[in-house]
Amino acid sequence: MLRLKKLGKALLKTIAIIAIIVLILVIIFKITTKISPPGIHDSELENLQITRADSNFCYLKDNWLQKNSHGLWEMYIEGNDYERGIINGKLTKNLIYKQENAFINQIKVMIPSESYLRFLKNFLAFFNRNIDKHVIPEYQNEIYGISQSASRQFDFIGSNYHRILNYHAAHDIGHALQNLNLVACTAFAGWNSYSEDSSLIIGRNFDFYVGDEFAEDKIIMFCNPEKGHKFMIVTWGGMIGATSGMNDQGLTVTLNASKSEIPFGAATPISLVAREILQYASNIEEAYEIARKRKTFVSESLFIGSAIDGKTATIEKSPDKQALFAASNEFIICSNHFQNPEMQIPEILRANTSDYATLYRFKRVEELIKQNPGLNVNSVAEILRDQKGLNDKNIGMGNEKAINQLIAHHSIIFKPEELKVWISTSPFQLGEFVCYDLNKVFNQFKGIKEHQVITEPEYTIPADSFLNTVNYEDFNRFKEIRNQIQHSIKINKQIEGEESLFNELIELNPEFFETYVYLGDYYNHFKIVDKAILAYKKALTKEIPNMYQAESIQSKIDEITK
C-alpha cells in the first residue's frame, strides 16, 4: 500500500512537472509570436468619416473608391504612409471583411481537418514571428492604418494588425504549401521585331487561386504616395503589396513563383518587395538593387518591364542569391522556373518538357509567340486566354499545363511607353479587358466627388467568345459535380444515382486528368476498389501537370493493390 502511495505521488509529481513545462512552452510561444503594431497615432485622421454617395461610390478628402460597370473596384489614394492606410481601410472596410472571409472559408475547404488547421495556424504564427522586422517602417505604418478597419470577427486567428501583416505573405505561403497548388503564373513580353509597333508590350496571368469568391472584388488601386513614384496595382481589400502593377515611369512588375524548398523563417513578403520596386524604381537596374537589399524566404521571379530600357528582364531571387535574366532575342517568357545559369535547378534543367507544367507552359507560349511575332494587345489577350496544349492538343479544361487554367485572379497587359494598362474582368481572363491611361487617371481624377468613367472605352478588348459556348457551360457544370463528389467524401455519404452523374462528369471534361482522379478518390474512399483502379489508370493516360502528381496517382494504385 505504501509503495502504491509513493508511486501515486511520483506520478502526480511527474504530471505536474509536465504541465508546468507545457505551460512554459505555451507562454514562450505566445511571447515569441506576438507582433506589436507600430507606435503611431493620429486621432484627427483616425476620426475622419467617409462620405458615401451610393453603394458604388464613396470618398474621403481627395481619396475615393468606386465600382465600375465591369465589376472592378477603382480606388485613388494619396498621402503619407499612415494616412494612406487609414483612408484605404475606411474606404474598403466592407471589401476587407469579404476578402478575409472568402480566404478563410476557402482554406477550410482545402484543409477540412480542424486539427491540421490548428497546427497550420500555430506553425505560421511561429514561422512568421519576426515578419515585422523584415517589413520597412513605411509599409508597417500603412498596413497598421488599414488593419484598424479589419473585422474583430477573426480575432481567433490573431489581432487585426498581425493578420493583415501576415496576409501579405500569402503568395509566399503558397510556396510553403506546394501541395495546395495556389500559385502557377505565366508572363511574356515582346519588343522591336516581336511587337507590332516595335514598342514594349507585356502580358501576364496571375493564377493565384483561393476560390472563385476571392477573385470577385478586385481593386485597381491608383496610389500617389508622399514619397516615390505614382503607381497602379491590381489588389484586393487589405492588401498593399504588388502582384501586378506599373508606375508613372513606365516600369512594370509582375510576380512568378519558382520552385522552392519549404522555408524555415520569416523574411520580406515578395509582394512588398514588388511594391517597393514600383514606388521607388524607374528602370531595371534600380529595381534589381531594391530587390537585392531585401531577403525573401521563397524563390521568385520578378518580371520587370521598363519603358526607359525598352525591354523586359527577370530578377530571379531565392533566399540565398539573386541574378538577372535578360533574353538574347526580342521576346522573353517567364513561367515558374529560373533561367539564369546561376539560378537554374538541375532537377528541372534535366527534365523533359512534359515532366513539369512550368516547362510545358513556357514552350506553349513560345510556340504561340512565334506564330504571332507582331504582338499587339489583342494577340496578347488571345495568348493569355489559350487553353490548349502543345501543338493545339486538347489537355482538358482547367489543366495547369495550359496558359489559361480557368483559375486566374486577374490577367493584365501593359504598354509601358504609353502608360496604358489593360485589366481583365470576370470570369478569370475571359471577360473584357478594360484600359486605363495612368497619365489621365492621376492628372484628371484626383478628388472626384461622384462616380466617373476613368477607363478608356475605345481601347476595350472584347470578351472571349468561349464565354458563349457550350464548353463554358460544361466547365461550370463540371465544377458543380466535382464539388458534390468532394463533399460526399467529406461527409462520408455516397451519392444517389452516382453512375449517371459520373458519366456526365466524364462527358463534360473527358481529356482532363483530374476528372478521373476525382472519381478514383471517390471510389477509393468508399472501398469500390476495381472502379478506383480503373479511374486512376485512366488518369495516367492523360496530360498530367508534373511527375509528382503522376507518382501520387500511381502510389494510390499501388496502395490499393498491395
Protein backbone atom coordinates (compact mmCIF):
# COMPACT_ATOMS: atom_id res chain seq x y z
CA MET A 1 0.00 0.00 0.00
CA LEU A 2 2.81 2.35 1.00
CA ARG A 3 4.55 1.54 -2.28
CA LEU A 4 1.39 2.38 -4.25
CA LYS A 5 1.11 5.73 -2.44
CA LYS A 6 4.72 6.53 -3.31
CA LEU A 7 4.11 5.58 -6.91
CA GLY A 8 0.96 7.77 -6.95
CA LYS A 9 2.87 10.74 -5.53
CA ALA A 10 5.66 10.23 -8.06
CA LEU A 11 3.11 10.06 -10.89
CA LEU A 12 1.37 13.25 -9.71
CA LYS A 13 4.73 14.98 -9.42
CA THR A 14 5.65 13.90 -12.95
CA ILE A 15 2.29 15.12 -14.31
CA ALA A 16 2.74 18.44 -12.50
CA ILE A 17 6.24 18.87 -13.95
CA ILE A 18 4.96 18.07 -17.48
CA ALA A 19 2.06 20.52 -17.01
CA ILE A 20 4.48 23.25 -15.91
CA ILE A 21 6.77 22.58 -18.88
CA VAL A 22 3.80 22.71 -21.28
CA LEU A 23 2.60 25.97 -19.68
CA ILE A 24 6.08 27.49 -20.02
CA LEU A 25 6.26 26.41 -23.67
CA VAL A 26 2.81 27.94 -24.35
CA ILE A 27 3.89 31.20 -22.70
CA ILE A 28 7.15 31.25 -24.70
CA PHE A 29 5.17 30.56 -27.90
CA LYS A 30 2.73 33.39 -27.16
CA ILE A 31 5.57 35.82 -26.41
CA THR A 32 7.69 34.88 -29.45
CA THR A 33 4.72 35.03 -31.86
CA LYS A 34 3.31 38.30 -30.55
CA ILE A 35 3.76 41.16 -33.02
CA SER A 36 3.25 44.66 -31.71
CA PRO A 37 1.82 47.30 -34.06
CA PRO A 38 3.79 50.48 -34.81
CA GLY A 39 3.60 53.15 -32.11
CA ILE A 40 1.76 55.65 -34.26
CA HIS A 41 -1.43 57.58 -33.53
CA ASP A 42 -3.30 60.46 -35.16
CA SER A 43 -6.76 60.95 -33.66
CA GLU A 44 -7.77 63.61 -36.22
CA LEU A 45 -7.00 61.22 -39.08
CA GLU A 46 -8.49 58.19 -37.33
CA ASN A 47 -11.77 60.03 -36.66
CA LEU A 48 -12.32 61.04 -40.29
CA GLN A 49 -15.58 59.77 -41.80
CA ILE A 50 -16.16 58.71 -45.38
CA THR A 51 -18.90 60.30 -47.48
CA ARG A 52 -20.94 57.66 -49.29
CA ALA A 53 -22.77 58.86 -52.39
CA ASP A 54 -24.23 55.40 -53.06
CA SER A 55 -23.30 51.73 -52.69
CA ASN A 56 -20.78 52.03 -55.53
CA PHE A 57 -19.06 55.33 -54.69
CA CYS A 58 -17.56 56.90 -51.59
CA TYR A 59 -14.82 59.41 -50.85
CA LEU A 60 -12.71 60.86 -48.06
CA LYS A 61 -10.83 64.11 -48.70
CA ASP A 62 -9.30 63.69 -52.21
CA ASN A 63 -9.35 59.88 -51.99
CA TRP A 64 -12.17 57.81 -53.44
CA LEU A 65 -13.46 54.32 -54.20
CA GLN A 66 -15.92 53.38 -56.93
CA LYS A 67 -17.19 50.27 -58.71
CA ASN A 68 -17.24 50.45 -62.49
CA SER A 69 -19.76 48.89 -64.86
CA HIS A 70 -17.45 45.91 -65.40
CA GLY A 71 -17.48 44.96 -61.73
CA LEU A 72 -13.98 46.26 -60.93
CA TRP A 73 -13.42 48.47 -57.90
CA GLU A 74 -11.27 51.53 -58.66
CA MET A 75 -9.53 53.46 -55.88
CA TYR A 76 -7.41 56.59 -55.69
CA ILE A 77 -5.22 57.01 -52.58
CA GLU A 78 -2.68 59.67 -51.64
CA GLY A 79 -0.69 60.97 -48.67
CA ASN A 80 1.88 59.66 -46.20
CA ASP A 81 2.09 56.03 -45.13
CA TYR A 82 -0.25 56.03 -42.13
CA GLU A 83 -2.70 58.38 -43.84
CA ARG A 84 -2.88 56.11 -46.89
CA GLY A 85 -3.50 53.10 -44.67
CA ILE A 86 -6.20 54.71 -42.54
CA ILE A 87 -8.08 56.10 -45.55
CA ASN A 88 -7.66 52.90 -47.58
CA GLY A 89 -9.11 50.93 -44.65
CA LYS A 90 -12.08 53.27 -44.23
CA LEU A 91 -12.92 53.20 -47.94
CA THR A 92 -12.58 49.43 -48.31
CA LYS A 93 -13.81 48.22 -44.90
CA ASN A 94 -16.58 46.06 -46.37
CA LEU A 95 -14.24 44.64 -49.01
CA ILE A 96 -11.59 43.77 -46.39
CA TYR A 97 -14.19 41.78 -44.45
CA LYS A 98 -15.49 40.00 -47.54
CA GLN A 99 -11.97 39.17 -48.75
CA GLU A 100 -10.82 37.80 -45.40
CA ASN A 101 -13.98 35.73 -45.01
CA ALA A 102 -13.58 34.28 -48.52
CA PHE A 103 -9.91 33.48 -47.86
CA ILE A 104 -10.59 31.70 -44.59
CA ASN A 105 -13.57 29.76 -45.99
CA GLN A 106 -11.52 28.52 -48.95
CA ILE A 107 -8.65 27.44 -46.72
CA LYS A 108 -11.19 25.38 -44.74
CA VAL A 109 -12.33 23.76 -47.98
CA MET A 110 -8.73 22.98 -48.96
CA ILE A 111 -7.86 21.74 -45.46
CA PRO A 112 -11.01 20.20 -43.94
CA SER A 113 -9.15 18.82 -40.90
CA GLU A 114 -9.69 21.10 -37.89
CA SER A 115 -6.67 19.66 -36.09
CA TYR A 116 -4.41 20.29 -39.09
CA LEU A 117 -5.81 23.81 -39.42
CA ARG A 118 -4.90 24.49 -35.78
CA PHE A 119 -1.42 23.08 -36.37
CA LEU A 120 -1.07 25.19 -39.53
CA LYS A 121 -2.19 28.34 -37.71
CA ASN A 122 0.38 27.79 -34.96
CA PHE A 123 3.09 26.84 -37.45
CA LEU A 124 2.52 30.00 -39.49
CA ALA A 125 2.38 32.14 -36.35
CA PHE A 126 5.76 30.76 -35.26
CA PHE A 127 7.15 30.82 -38.79
CA ASN A 128 6.21 34.49 -39.24
CA ARG A 129 7.03 35.53 -35.66
CA ASN A 130 9.64 38.06 -36.87
CA ILE A 131 7.92 39.18 -40.06
CA ASP A 132 7.61 42.78 -38.83
CA LYS A 133 11.42 43.04 -38.66
CA HIS A 134 11.55 42.39 -42.41
CA VAL A 135 8.94 44.99 -43.42
CA ILE A 136 10.12 48.58 -43.83
CA PRO A 137 8.54 51.09 -41.38
CA GLU A 138 6.64 52.85 -44.18
CA TYR A 139 4.73 49.70 -45.06
CA GLN A 140 4.26 48.69 -41.41
CA ASN A 141 2.56 52.04 -40.83
CA GLU A 142 0.40 51.71 -43.94
CA ILE A 143 -0.66 48.16 -43.02
CA TYR A 144 -1.37 49.22 -39.44
CA GLY A 145 -3.61 52.00 -40.76
CA ILE A 146 -5.59 49.53 -42.87
CA SER A 147 -5.81 46.98 -40.06
CA GLN A 148 -7.83 49.36 -37.91
CA SER A 149 -10.74 48.80 -40.31
CA ALA A 150 -10.46 44.99 -40.25
CA SER A 151 -13.16 42.94 -38.52
CA ARG A 152 -12.73 41.66 -34.96
CA GLN A 153 -14.70 38.59 -36.03
CA PHE A 154 -11.44 36.89 -36.98
CA ASP A 155 -9.59 37.57 -33.73
CA PHE A 156 -9.38 33.80 -33.18
CA ILE A 157 -6.62 33.86 -35.83
CA GLY A 158 -4.78 36.86 -34.41
CA SER A 159 -5.02 40.60 -33.87
CA ASN A 160 -6.06 42.79 -36.80
CA TYR A 161 -2.53 44.06 -37.41
CA HIS A 162 -0.98 40.62 -37.05
CA ARG A 163 -3.46 39.10 -39.51
CA ILE A 164 -3.27 41.79 -42.19
CA LEU A 165 0.52 41.82 -41.99
CA ASN A 166 0.67 38.05 -42.35
CA TYR A 167 -1.76 38.00 -45.27
CA HIS A 168 0.89 39.88 -47.26
CA ALA A 169 2.89 36.67 -47.19
CA ALA A 170 0.01 34.58 -48.62
CA HIS A 171 1.67 34.41 -52.04
CA ASP A 172 4.87 33.14 -50.37
CA ILE A 173 3.00 30.69 -48.12
CA GLY A 174 1.53 29.23 -51.32
CA HIS A 175 5.09 28.00 -51.92
CA ALA A 176 5.42 26.53 -48.43
CA LEU A 177 2.18 24.61 -49.04
CA GLN A 178 3.08 23.47 -52.53
CA ASN A 179 0.58 20.62 -52.43
CA LEU A 180 -2.26 23.19 -52.41
CA ASN A 181 -1.21 24.44 -55.86
CA LEU A 182 -2.08 28.07 -55.13
CA VAL A 183 0.44 29.76 -57.41
CA ALA A 184 1.29 28.94 -61.07
CA CYS A 185 1.58 32.07 -63.25
CA THR A 186 2.66 32.86 -66.81
CA ALA A 187 4.10 36.10 -68.24
CA PHE A 188 5.74 37.17 -71.50
CA ALA A 189 6.85 40.30 -73.34
CA GLY A 190 7.94 41.37 -76.82
CA TRP A 191 9.64 44.44 -78.24
CA ASN A 192 11.22 45.64 -81.50
CA SER A 193 10.59 42.93 -84.14
CA TYR A 194 8.27 40.99 -81.81
CA SER A 195 5.93 43.94 -81.27
CA GLU A 196 3.52 45.25 -83.88
CA ASP A 197 4.60 48.87 -83.32
CA SER A 198 8.12 47.93 -82.01
CA SER A 199 7.32 49.26 -78.52
CA LEU A 200 7.41 47.06 -75.43
CA ILE A 201 4.26 45.04 -74.73
CA ILE A 202 3.76 42.70 -71.76
CA GLY A 203 1.09 40.15 -70.83
CA ARG A 204 0.60 38.06 -67.70
CA ASN A 205 -1.86 35.73 -65.96
CA PHE A 206 -1.92 35.84 -62.16
CA ASP A 207 -3.04 32.30 -61.33
CA PHE A 208 -3.30 32.72 -57.57
CA TYR A 209 -6.37 30.67 -56.72
CA VAL A 210 -8.08 30.78 -53.34
CA GLY A 211 -11.59 30.08 -54.62
CA ASP A 212 -13.86 31.91 -57.06
CA GLU A 213 -15.23 34.21 -54.37
CA PHE A 214 -11.76 35.54 -53.52
CA ALA A 215 -11.43 36.95 -57.07
CA GLU A 216 -14.82 38.67 -57.16
CA ASP A 217 -13.87 42.07 -55.73
CA LYS A 218 -10.63 43.08 -57.39
CA ILE A 219 -9.40 46.60 -56.64
CA ILE A 220 -7.47 48.66 -59.18
CA MET A 221 -5.56 50.96 -56.85
CA PHE A 222 -4.00 54.19 -58.11
CA CYS A 223 -1.57 55.43 -55.47
CA ASN A 224 0.01 58.88 -55.25
CA PRO A 225 2.39 58.47 -52.30
CA GLU A 226 4.08 61.31 -50.46
CA LYS A 227 7.44 59.76 -51.44
CA GLY A 228 8.38 57.96 -54.63
CA HIS A 229 6.57 57.39 -57.92
CA LYS A 230 2.86 57.26 -58.57
CA PHE A 231 1.75 53.74 -59.46
CA MET A 232 -1.17 51.39 -60.00
CA ILE A 233 -1.60 47.82 -58.78
CA VAL A 234 -4.28 45.14 -59.04
CA THR A 235 -5.09 44.20 -55.46
CA TRP A 236 -7.87 43.30 -53.00
CA GLY A 237 -9.20 44.51 -49.67
CA GLY A 238 -6.44 44.84 -47.06
CA MET A 239 -3.55 44.25 -49.48
CA ILE A 240 -0.91 46.94 -50.19
CA GLY A 241 1.64 44.59 -51.78
CA ALA A 242 2.01 44.31 -55.56
CA THR A 243 1.44 41.20 -57.65
CA SER A 244 0.92 43.14 -60.91
CA GLY A 245 1.47 46.87 -61.39
CA MET A 246 3.01 49.79 -63.27
CA ASN A 247 4.36 53.18 -62.16
CA ASP A 248 4.41 56.58 -63.83
CA GLN A 249 7.92 55.89 -65.20
CA GLY A 250 6.59 53.03 -67.30
CA LEU A 251 8.16 50.41 -65.01
CA THR A 252 6.08 47.25 -64.58
CA VAL A 253 6.35 44.41 -62.07
CA THR A 254 4.65 41.02 -62.00
CA LEU A 255 5.38 38.05 -59.73
CA ASN A 256 6.01 34.48 -60.85
CA ALA A 257 6.63 31.76 -58.28
CA SER A 258 9.58 29.40 -58.75
CA LYS A 259 10.31 26.01 -57.21
CA SER A 260 11.18 26.48 -53.54
CA GLU A 261 12.15 24.42 -50.57
CA ILE A 262 9.91 24.71 -47.51
CA PRO A 263 11.18 27.85 -45.73
CA PHE A 264 12.15 27.91 -42.07
CA GLY A 265 11.89 31.56 -41.10
CA ALA A 266 10.22 34.83 -41.92
CA ALA A 267 11.61 37.34 -44.40
CA THR A 268 10.18 40.14 -46.53
CA PRO A 269 6.98 39.10 -48.34
CA ILE A 270 7.71 39.19 -52.06
CA SER A 271 4.63 41.32 -52.76
CA LEU A 272 6.12 44.09 -50.59
CA VAL A 273 9.43 43.85 -52.48
CA ALA A 274 7.45 44.29 -55.71
CA ARG A 275 5.55 47.22 -54.19
CA GLU A 276 8.82 48.91 -53.16
CA ILE A 277 10.18 48.49 -56.69
CA LEU A 278 7.08 50.13 -58.18
CA GLN A 279 7.23 53.00 -55.73
CA TYR A 280 10.97 53.70 -55.88
CA ALA A 281 12.48 52.33 -59.13
CA SER A 282 12.40 53.79 -62.63
CA ASN A 283 14.42 51.20 -64.57
CA ILE A 284 15.59 47.59 -64.42
CA GLU A 285 18.89 48.40 -62.68
CA GLU A 286 17.17 50.31 -59.87
CA ALA A 287 14.62 47.51 -59.48
CA TYR A 288 17.45 44.98 -59.20
CA GLU A 289 19.17 46.96 -56.44
CA ILE A 290 15.97 47.28 -54.40
CA ALA A 291 15.34 43.52 -54.69
CA ARG A 292 18.96 42.81 -53.70
CA LYS A 293 18.50 44.68 -50.40
CA ARG A 294 15.59 42.50 -49.28
CA LYS A 295 15.82 38.94 -48.01
CA THR A 296 12.95 36.72 -49.15
CA PHE A 297 12.06 33.25 -47.87
CA VAL A 298 10.94 31.67 -51.16
CA SER A 299 12.20 31.62 -54.73
CA GLU A 300 10.50 34.11 -57.01
CA SER A 301 10.85 35.68 -60.43
CA LEU A 302 10.16 39.41 -60.58
CA PHE A 303 9.26 40.12 -64.21
CA ILE A 304 10.35 43.74 -64.79
CA GLY A 305 9.28 45.74 -67.83
CA SER A 306 10.84 49.15 -68.42
CA ALA A 307 9.87 51.92 -70.81
CA ILE A 308 13.24 53.57 -70.15
CA ASP A 309 15.16 50.40 -71.06
CA GLY A 310 12.73 49.45 -73.82
CA LYS A 311 12.67 45.80 -72.78
CA THR A 312 11.76 43.31 -70.05
CA ALA A 313 14.11 41.28 -67.84
CA THR A 314 13.60 38.87 -64.96
CA ILE A 315 15.05 39.29 -61.48
CA GLU A 316 15.42 35.71 -60.24
CA LYS A 317 15.60 35.67 -56.47
CA SER A 318 15.98 32.85 -53.94
CA PRO A 319 16.54 33.04 -50.16
CA ASP A 320 20.30 32.75 -50.79
CA LYS A 321 21.09 34.54 -54.04
CA GLN A 322 19.83 36.73 -56.86
CA ALA A 323 20.57 37.10 -60.57
CA LEU A 324 19.20 38.89 -63.62
CA PHE A 325 18.00 37.03 -66.68
CA ALA A 326 17.84 39.02 -69.93
CA ALA A 327 16.76 37.31 -73.14
CA SER A 328 19.15 37.22 -76.08
CA ASN A 329 16.34 37.89 -78.56
CA GLU A 330 13.49 40.42 -78.56
CA PHE A 331 10.96 38.50 -76.53
CA ILE A 332 11.06 36.91 -73.08
CA ILE A 333 8.88 34.34 -71.30
CA CYS A 334 8.52 33.72 -67.58
CA SER A 335 6.62 30.78 -66.10
CA ASN A 336 7.69 29.10 -62.85
CA HIS A 337 11.34 28.16 -63.27
CA PHE A 338 14.62 30.09 -63.24
CA GLN A 339 16.56 30.60 -66.48
CA ASN A 340 19.79 32.32 -65.45
CA PRO A 341 22.57 29.65 -65.35
CA GLU A 342 23.46 30.70 -61.79
CA MET A 343 19.90 30.07 -60.62
CA GLN A 344 18.75 27.05 -62.61
CA ILE A 345 17.68 23.99 -60.65
CA PRO A 346 19.37 20.84 -62.04
CA GLU A 347 16.22 18.75 -61.49
CA ILE A 348 14.20 21.00 -63.82
CA LEU A 349 17.11 21.62 -66.19
CA ARG A 350 17.41 17.88 -66.88
CA ALA A 351 13.64 17.28 -67.07
CA ASN A 352 11.54 16.63 -70.14
CA THR A 353 9.03 19.30 -71.15
CA SER A 354 6.14 17.05 -70.14
CA ASP A 355 7.56 16.50 -66.63
CA TYR A 356 6.69 19.96 -65.35
CA ALA A 357 3.80 22.32 -66.10
CA THR A 358 6.17 25.29 -65.95
CA LEU A 359 8.32 23.91 -68.81
CA TYR A 360 5.24 22.89 -70.79
CA ARG A 361 3.56 26.31 -70.48
CA PHE A 362 6.84 28.02 -71.39
CA LYS A 363 7.03 26.00 -74.62
CA ARG A 364 3.38 26.69 -75.41
CA VAL A 365 3.86 30.47 -75.03
CA GLU A 366 6.98 30.28 -77.20
CA GLU A 367 5.01 28.35 -79.82
CA LEU A 368 2.24 30.97 -79.89
CA ILE A 369 4.60 33.98 -79.93
CA LYS A 370 6.44 32.56 -82.92
CA GLN A 371 3.09 32.11 -84.67
CA ASN A 372 2.19 35.76 -83.84
CA PRO A 373 5.53 37.66 -83.79
CA GLY A 374 3.97 41.12 -84.23
CA LEU A 375 2.36 41.23 -80.78
CA ASN A 376 -0.44 43.71 -80.09
CA VAL A 377 -2.92 43.94 -77.23
CA ASN A 378 -5.46 41.69 -78.96
CA SER A 379 -2.99 38.93 -79.83
CA VAL A 380 -1.51 39.11 -76.30
CA ALA A 381 -5.02 38.65 -74.88
CA GLU A 382 -5.55 35.65 -77.17
CA ILE A 383 -2.37 34.02 -75.88
CA LEU A 384 -3.33 34.72 -72.25
CA ARG A 385 -6.70 33.05 -72.89
CA ASP A 386 -5.27 29.97 -74.65
CA GLN A 387 -6.45 26.66 -73.13
CA LYS A 388 -4.72 24.21 -75.43
CA GLY A 389 -1.56 22.18 -75.03
CA LEU A 390 1.44 21.98 -77.32
CA ASN A 391 0.53 21.66 -80.99
CA ASP A 392 -3.06 22.64 -80.07
CA LYS A 393 -3.62 19.42 -78.14
CA ASN A 394 -6.79 19.15 -76.04
CA ILE A 395 -5.47 18.68 -72.48
CA GLY A 396 -8.77 19.30 -70.68
CA MET A 397 -10.30 22.45 -69.25
CA GLY A 398 -8.50 23.60 -66.09
CA ASN A 399 -5.17 21.89 -66.71
CA GLU A 400 -2.16 23.55 -65.04
CA LYS A 401 -0.20 22.96 -68.25
CA ALA A 402 -2.46 25.43 -70.09
CA ILE A 403 -1.66 29.13 -70.19
CA ASN A 404 -5.28 29.72 -69.25
CA GLN A 405 -6.09 27.35 -66.40
CA LEU A 406 -9.51 28.94 -65.76
CA ILE A 407 -8.47 29.98 -62.24
CA ALA A 408 -6.82 33.39 -62.81
CA HIS A 409 -7.35 36.05 -60.17
CA HIS A 410 -6.59 38.54 -62.91
CA SER A 411 -4.88 38.90 -66.25
CA ILE A 412 -3.09 42.08 -67.30
CA ILE A 413 -1.49 43.70 -70.36
CA PHE A 414 0.95 46.63 -70.26
CA LYS A 415 2.08 49.15 -72.86
CA PRO A 416 4.70 50.90 -70.67
CA GLU A 417 5.77 53.61 -73.12
CA GLU A 418 2.16 54.78 -73.41
CA LEU A 419 1.47 54.28 -69.66
CA LYS A 420 -1.55 52.19 -70.63
CA VAL A 421 -2.70 49.05 -68.87
CA TRP A 422 -5.46 46.56 -69.69
CA ILE A 423 -7.06 44.52 -66.89
CA SER A 424 -9.32 41.52 -67.32
CA THR A 425 -12.85 41.41 -65.99
CA SER A 426 -14.59 38.35 -64.60
CA PRO A 427 -14.71 35.49 -65.05
CA PHE A 428 -10.96 34.83 -64.93
CA GLN A 429 -9.38 36.37 -68.08
CA LEU A 430 -12.46 35.66 -70.18
CA GLY A 431 -14.33 38.94 -69.72
CA GLU A 432 -13.48 42.21 -71.42
CA PHE A 433 -10.05 43.75 -70.81
CA VAL A 434 -10.60 47.39 -69.80
CA CYS A 435 -7.94 50.01 -70.41
CA TYR A 436 -6.57 52.70 -68.07
CA ASP A 437 -4.26 55.57 -69.03
CA LEU A 438 -2.14 56.37 -65.96
CA ASN A 439 -1.47 59.93 -67.10
CA LYS A 440 -5.18 60.68 -67.34
CA VAL A 441 -6.12 58.95 -64.09
CA PHE A 442 -3.54 60.83 -62.00
CA ASN A 443 -3.98 64.18 -63.76
CA GLN A 444 -7.77 64.30 -64.17
CA PHE A 445 -9.43 62.23 -61.48
CA LYS A 446 -7.90 63.28 -58.18
CA GLY A 447 -10.55 64.41 -55.70
CA ILE A 448 -13.67 63.46 -57.65
CA LYS A 449 -16.86 63.55 -55.59
CA GLU A 450 -19.14 61.48 -57.81
CA HIS A 451 -18.90 58.39 -59.97
CA GLN A 452 -16.95 58.94 -63.20
CA VAL A 453 -15.76 56.69 -66.02
CA ILE A 454 -11.97 56.59 -65.74
CA THR A 455 -11.35 53.79 -68.26
CA GLU A 456 -10.63 54.28 -71.98
CA PRO A 457 -13.71 52.61 -73.58
CA GLU A 458 -12.39 52.87 -77.15
CA TYR A 459 -9.46 50.60 -76.21
CA THR A 460 -11.55 47.82 -74.60
CA ILE A 461 -10.62 44.28 -75.69
CA PRO A 462 -13.80 42.21 -76.28
CA ALA A 463 -14.70 39.26 -74.07
CA ASP A 464 -13.52 35.80 -75.08
CA SER A 465 -16.00 34.04 -77.38
CA PHE A 466 -15.51 30.94 -75.20
CA LEU A 467 -18.00 32.51 -72.75
CA ASN A 468 -20.80 31.93 -75.24
CA THR A 469 -20.01 28.28 -75.92
CA VAL A 470 -21.40 25.00 -74.63
CA ASN A 471 -17.88 24.22 -73.37
CA TYR A 472 -18.06 27.08 -70.88
CA GLU A 473 -21.41 25.81 -69.60
CA ASP A 474 -19.87 22.35 -69.40
CA PHE A 475 -16.96 23.64 -67.31
CA ASN A 476 -19.27 25.28 -64.79
CA ARG A 477 -21.34 22.10 -64.52
CA PHE A 478 -18.11 20.11 -64.20
CA LYS A 479 -17.12 22.18 -61.14
CA GLU A 480 -20.55 21.63 -59.58
CA ILE A 481 -20.24 17.84 -59.84
CA ARG A 482 -16.61 17.96 -58.64
CA ASN A 483 -17.70 19.88 -55.55
CA GLN A 484 -20.52 17.39 -54.97
CA ILE A 485 -18.04 14.49 -55.09
CA GLN A 486 -15.64 16.18 -52.69
CA HIS A 487 -18.48 16.98 -50.30
CA SER A 488 -19.73 13.39 -50.32
CA ILE A 489 -16.26 12.19 -49.33
CA LYS A 490 -16.06 14.79 -46.59
CA ILE A 491 -19.39 13.74 -45.03
CA ASN A 492 -18.75 10.06 -45.80
CA LYS A 493 -22.02 9.57 -47.67
CA GLN A 494 -22.34 8.06 -51.14
CA ILE A 495 -24.16 9.95 -53.88
CA GLU A 496 -27.53 8.65 -55.03
CA GLY A 497 -27.52 7.91 -58.76
CA GLU A 498 -23.73 8.17 -58.82
CA GLU A 499 -23.21 6.23 -62.04
CA SER A 500 -25.16 8.61 -64.28
CA LEU A 501 -23.61 11.62 -62.52
CA PHE A 502 -20.10 10.26 -63.02
CA ASN A 503 -20.76 9.52 -66.69
CA GLU A 504 -21.86 13.12 -67.04
CA LEU A 505 -18.64 14.31 -65.35
CA ILE A 506 -16.55 12.40 -67.89
CA GLU A 507 -18.56 13.74 -70.84
CA LEU A 508 -18.14 17.32 -69.61
CA ASN A 509 -14.31 17.25 -69.42
CA PRO A 510 -13.03 13.96 -70.86
CA GLU A 511 -9.39 14.96 -71.51
CA PHE A 512 -8.71 16.40 -68.05
CA PHE A 513 -6.71 14.02 -65.86
CA GLU A 514 -8.37 15.25 -62.66
CA THR A 515 -11.78 14.12 -63.94
CA TYR A 516 -10.61 10.57 -63.30
CA VAL A 517 -8.70 11.40 -60.12
CA TYR A 518 -11.94 12.74 -58.57
CA LEU A 519 -13.70 9.50 -59.48
CA GLY A 520 -10.80 7.38 -58.26
CA ASP A 521 -10.72 9.20 -54.92
CA TYR A 522 -14.47 8.71 -54.54
CA TYR A 523 -14.38 5.00 -55.28
CA ASN A 524 -11.27 4.53 -53.18
CA HIS A 525 -12.88 6.27 -50.21
CA PHE A 526 -15.95 4.03 -50.38
CA LYS A 527 -13.84 0.88 -50.94
CA ILE A 528 -15.09 0.26 -54.51
CA VAL A 529 -11.64 -0.99 -55.40
CA ASP A 530 -11.99 -2.16 -59.03
CA LYS A 531 -13.55 1.12 -60.18
CA ALA A 532 -10.97 3.16 -58.25
CA ILE A 533 -8.10 1.39 -60.00
CA LEU A 534 -9.70 1.84 -63.45
CA ALA A 535 -10.24 5.57 -62.80
CA TYR A 536 -6.67 6.13 -61.60
CA LYS A 537 -5.24 4.21 -64.58
CA LYS A 538 -7.35 6.31 -66.94
CA ALA A 539 -5.98 9.49 -65.31
CA LEU A 540 -2.44 8.29 -66.04
CA THR A 541 -3.22 8.24 -69.79
CA LYS A 542 -3.96 11.97 -69.80
CA GLU A 543 -1.67 15.05 -69.77
CA ILE A 544 -0.65 15.35 -66.10
CA PRO A 545 0.93 18.65 -64.94
CA ASN A 546 4.04 17.17 -63.33
CA MET A 547 5.78 13.94 -62.44
CA TYR A 548 4.89 14.27 -58.76
CA GLN A 549 1.18 14.19 -59.47
CA ALA A 550 1.67 11.18 -61.74
CA GLU A 551 3.65 9.45 -58.97
CA SER A 552 0.90 10.31 -56.48
CA ILE A 553 -1.74 8.68 -58.68
CA GLN A 554 0.44 5.59 -59.18
CA SER A 555 1.04 5.35 -55.43
CA LYS A 556 -2.73 5.25 -54.88
CA ILE A 557 -2.97 2.31 -57.28
CA ASP A 558 -0.06 0.58 -55.53
CA GLU A 559 -1.65 1.13 -52.12
CA ILE A 560 -4.93 -0.43 -53.27
CA THR A 561 -3.34 -3.43 -54.98
CA LYS A 562 -0.62 -4.32 -52.49
